[in-house]
């Protein structure tokens, strides 16, 4: 019974850390996609303006 109680005590901090990690990974993925889209837009602008 004591082991089950210890497991429950670990669950909440672990779930909280997991939630934060998932949120951070998601935010990084969104930011990466934004940077990729921005770079693609800049490249398209350069090509259409005749720089290359």
N, C-alpha and C. Protein backbone atom coordinates (compact mmCIF):
# COMPACT_ATOMS: atom_id res chain seq x y z
N UNK A 1 0.83 -1.20 0.00
CA UNK A 1 0.00 0.00 0.00
C UNK A 1 0.87 1.25 0.00
N UNK A 2 2.00 1.20 0.70
CA UNK A 2 2.88 2.37 0.77
C UNK A 2 3.46 2.70 -0.61
N UNK A 3 3.76 1.68 -1.40
CA UNK A 3 4.31 1.90 -2.73
C UNK A 3 3.29 2.61 -3.62
N UNK A 4 2.04 2.23 -3.50
CA UNK A 4 0.99 2.86 -4.30
C UNK A 4 0.87 4.35 -3.94
N UNK A 5 0.99 4.64 -2.65
CA UNK A 5 0.91 6.04 -2.21
C UNK A 5 2.10 6.83 -2.76
N UNK A 6 3.27 6.23 -2.73
CA UNK A 6 4.47 6.90 -3.27
C UNK A 6 4.30 7.14 -4.76
N UNK A 7 3.74 6.17 -5.47
CA UNK A 7 3.50 6.33 -6.90
C UNK A 7 2.57 7.50 -7.17
N UNK A 8 1.53 7.60 -6.35
CA UNK A 8 0.57 8.70 -6.54
C UNK A 8 1.23 10.05 -6.26
N UNK A 9 2.14 10.07 -5.29
CA UNK A 9 2.84 11.32 -4.98
C UNK A 9 3.72 11.75 -6.15
N UNK A 10 4.26 10.79 -6.88
CA UNK A 10 5.11 11.11 -8.03
C UNK A 10 4.30 11.47 -9.27
N UNK A 11 3.08 10.95 -9.36
CA UNK A 11 2.27 11.16 -10.56
C UNK A 11 2.04 12.63 -10.87
N UNK A 12 1.62 13.40 -9.88
CA UNK A 12 1.26 14.79 -10.15
C UNK A 12 2.45 15.63 -10.63
N UNK A 13 3.58 15.61 -9.94
CA UNK A 13 4.73 16.38 -10.46
C UNK A 13 5.17 15.89 -11.85
N UNK A 14 5.14 14.57 -12.07
CA UNK A 14 5.53 14.03 -13.37
C UNK A 14 4.58 14.51 -14.45
N UNK A 15 3.28 14.46 -14.16
CA UNK A 15 2.29 14.91 -15.15
C UNK A 15 2.46 16.40 -15.43
N UNK A 16 2.76 17.16 -14.40
CA UNK A 16 2.96 18.59 -14.56
C UNK A 16 4.19 18.86 -15.44
N UNK A 17 5.27 18.15 -15.17
CA UNK A 17 6.49 18.31 -15.98
C UNK A 17 6.23 17.87 -17.42
N UNK A 18 5.49 16.79 -17.57
CA UNK A 18 5.18 16.28 -18.91
C UNK A 18 4.34 17.30 -19.69
N UNK A 19 3.37 17.89 -19.01
CA UNK A 19 2.52 18.91 -19.63
C UNK A 19 3.36 20.10 -20.08
N UNK A 20 4.28 20.55 -19.23
CA UNK A 20 5.15 21.67 -19.59
C UNK A 20 6.04 21.32 -20.78
N UNK A 21 6.58 20.11 -20.78
CA UNK A 21 7.44 19.70 -21.89
C UNK A 21 6.67 19.66 -23.20
N UNK A 22 5.47 19.11 -23.16
CA UNK A 22 4.64 19.04 -24.36
C UNK A 22 4.33 20.45 -24.86
N UNK A 23 4.01 21.34 -23.94
CA UNK A 23 3.71 22.73 -24.32
C UNK A 23 4.94 23.38 -24.95
N UNK A 24 6.11 23.14 -24.37
CA UNK A 24 7.35 23.73 -24.91
C UNK A 24 7.68 23.17 -26.28
N UNK A 25 7.52 21.87 -26.44
CA UNK A 25 7.81 21.26 -27.74
C UNK A 25 6.85 21.81 -28.79
N UNK A 26 5.59 21.92 -28.43
CA UNK A 26 4.60 22.46 -29.37
C UNK A 26 4.96 23.88 -29.76
N UNK A 27 5.33 24.70 -28.77
CA UNK A 27 5.70 26.09 -29.05
C UNK A 27 6.91 26.15 -29.98
N UNK A 28 7.88 25.28 -29.76
CA UNK A 28 9.07 25.25 -30.62
C UNK A 28 8.72 24.82 -32.04
N UNK A 29 7.81 23.85 -32.16
CA UNK A 29 7.40 23.41 -33.49
C UNK A 29 6.68 24.53 -34.24
N UNK A 30 5.83 25.26 -33.53
CA UNK A 30 5.12 26.39 -34.14
C UNK A 30 6.12 27.46 -34.58
N UNK A 31 7.08 27.76 -33.71
CA UNK A 31 8.08 28.78 -34.04
C UNK A 31 8.94 28.34 -35.23
N UNK A 32 9.32 27.06 -35.24
CA UNK A 32 10.11 26.54 -36.36
C UNK A 32 9.34 26.68 -37.66
N UNK A 33 8.07 26.34 -37.64
CA UNK A 33 7.26 26.45 -38.85
C UNK A 33 7.15 27.90 -39.31
N UNK A 34 7.05 28.82 -38.35
CA UNK A 34 6.98 30.24 -38.69
C UNK A 34 8.27 30.68 -39.39
N UNK A 35 9.41 30.25 -38.85
CA UNK A 35 10.70 30.62 -39.43
C UNK A 35 10.85 30.02 -40.83
N UNK A 36 10.43 28.77 -40.99
CA UNK A 36 10.51 28.12 -42.31
C UNK A 36 9.63 28.87 -43.31
N UNK A 37 8.42 29.22 -42.89
CA UNK A 37 7.51 29.95 -43.78
C UNK A 37 8.07 31.32 -44.14
N UNK A 38 8.65 31.98 -43.16
CA UNK A 38 9.23 33.30 -43.39
C UNK A 38 10.39 33.21 -44.37
N UNK A 39 11.25 32.21 -44.19
CA UNK A 39 12.39 32.03 -45.09
C UNK A 39 11.91 31.72 -46.50
N UNK A 40 10.88 30.91 -46.62
CA UNK A 40 10.35 30.57 -47.95
C UNK A 40 9.77 31.82 -48.61
N UNK A 41 9.08 32.64 -47.84
CA UNK A 41 8.51 33.87 -48.39
C UNK A 41 9.61 34.81 -48.85
N UNK A 42 10.67 34.91 -48.06
CA UNK A 42 11.79 35.79 -48.43
C UNK A 42 12.46 35.27 -49.71
N UNK A 43 12.62 33.97 -49.79
CA UNK A 43 13.25 33.38 -50.97
C UNK A 43 12.38 33.62 -52.21
N UNK A 44 11.08 33.48 -52.06
CA UNK A 44 10.17 33.72 -53.18
C UNK A 44 10.22 35.19 -53.60
N UNK A 45 10.33 36.08 -52.64
CA UNK A 45 10.41 37.52 -52.94
C UNK A 45 11.69 37.82 -53.72
N UNK A 46 12.79 37.23 -53.27
CA UNK A 46 14.07 37.46 -53.97
C UNK A 46 14.00 36.96 -55.41
N UNK A 47 13.41 35.76 -55.59
CA UNK A 47 13.33 35.19 -56.93
C UNK A 47 12.45 36.05 -57.84
N UNK A 48 11.34 36.52 -57.29
CA UNK A 48 10.41 37.28 -58.13
C UNK A 48 10.93 38.69 -58.40
N UNK A 49 11.85 39.16 -57.56
CA UNK A 49 12.38 40.52 -57.80
C UNK A 49 13.60 40.49 -58.72
N UNK A 50 14.01 39.31 -59.13
CA UNK A 50 15.11 39.19 -60.07
C UNK A 50 16.50 39.31 -59.47
N UNK A 51 16.63 39.09 -58.17
CA UNK A 51 17.94 39.16 -57.53
C UNK A 51 18.84 38.00 -57.94
N UNK A 52 18.24 36.88 -58.30
CA UNK A 52 19.05 35.67 -58.58
C UNK A 52 19.06 35.37 -60.05
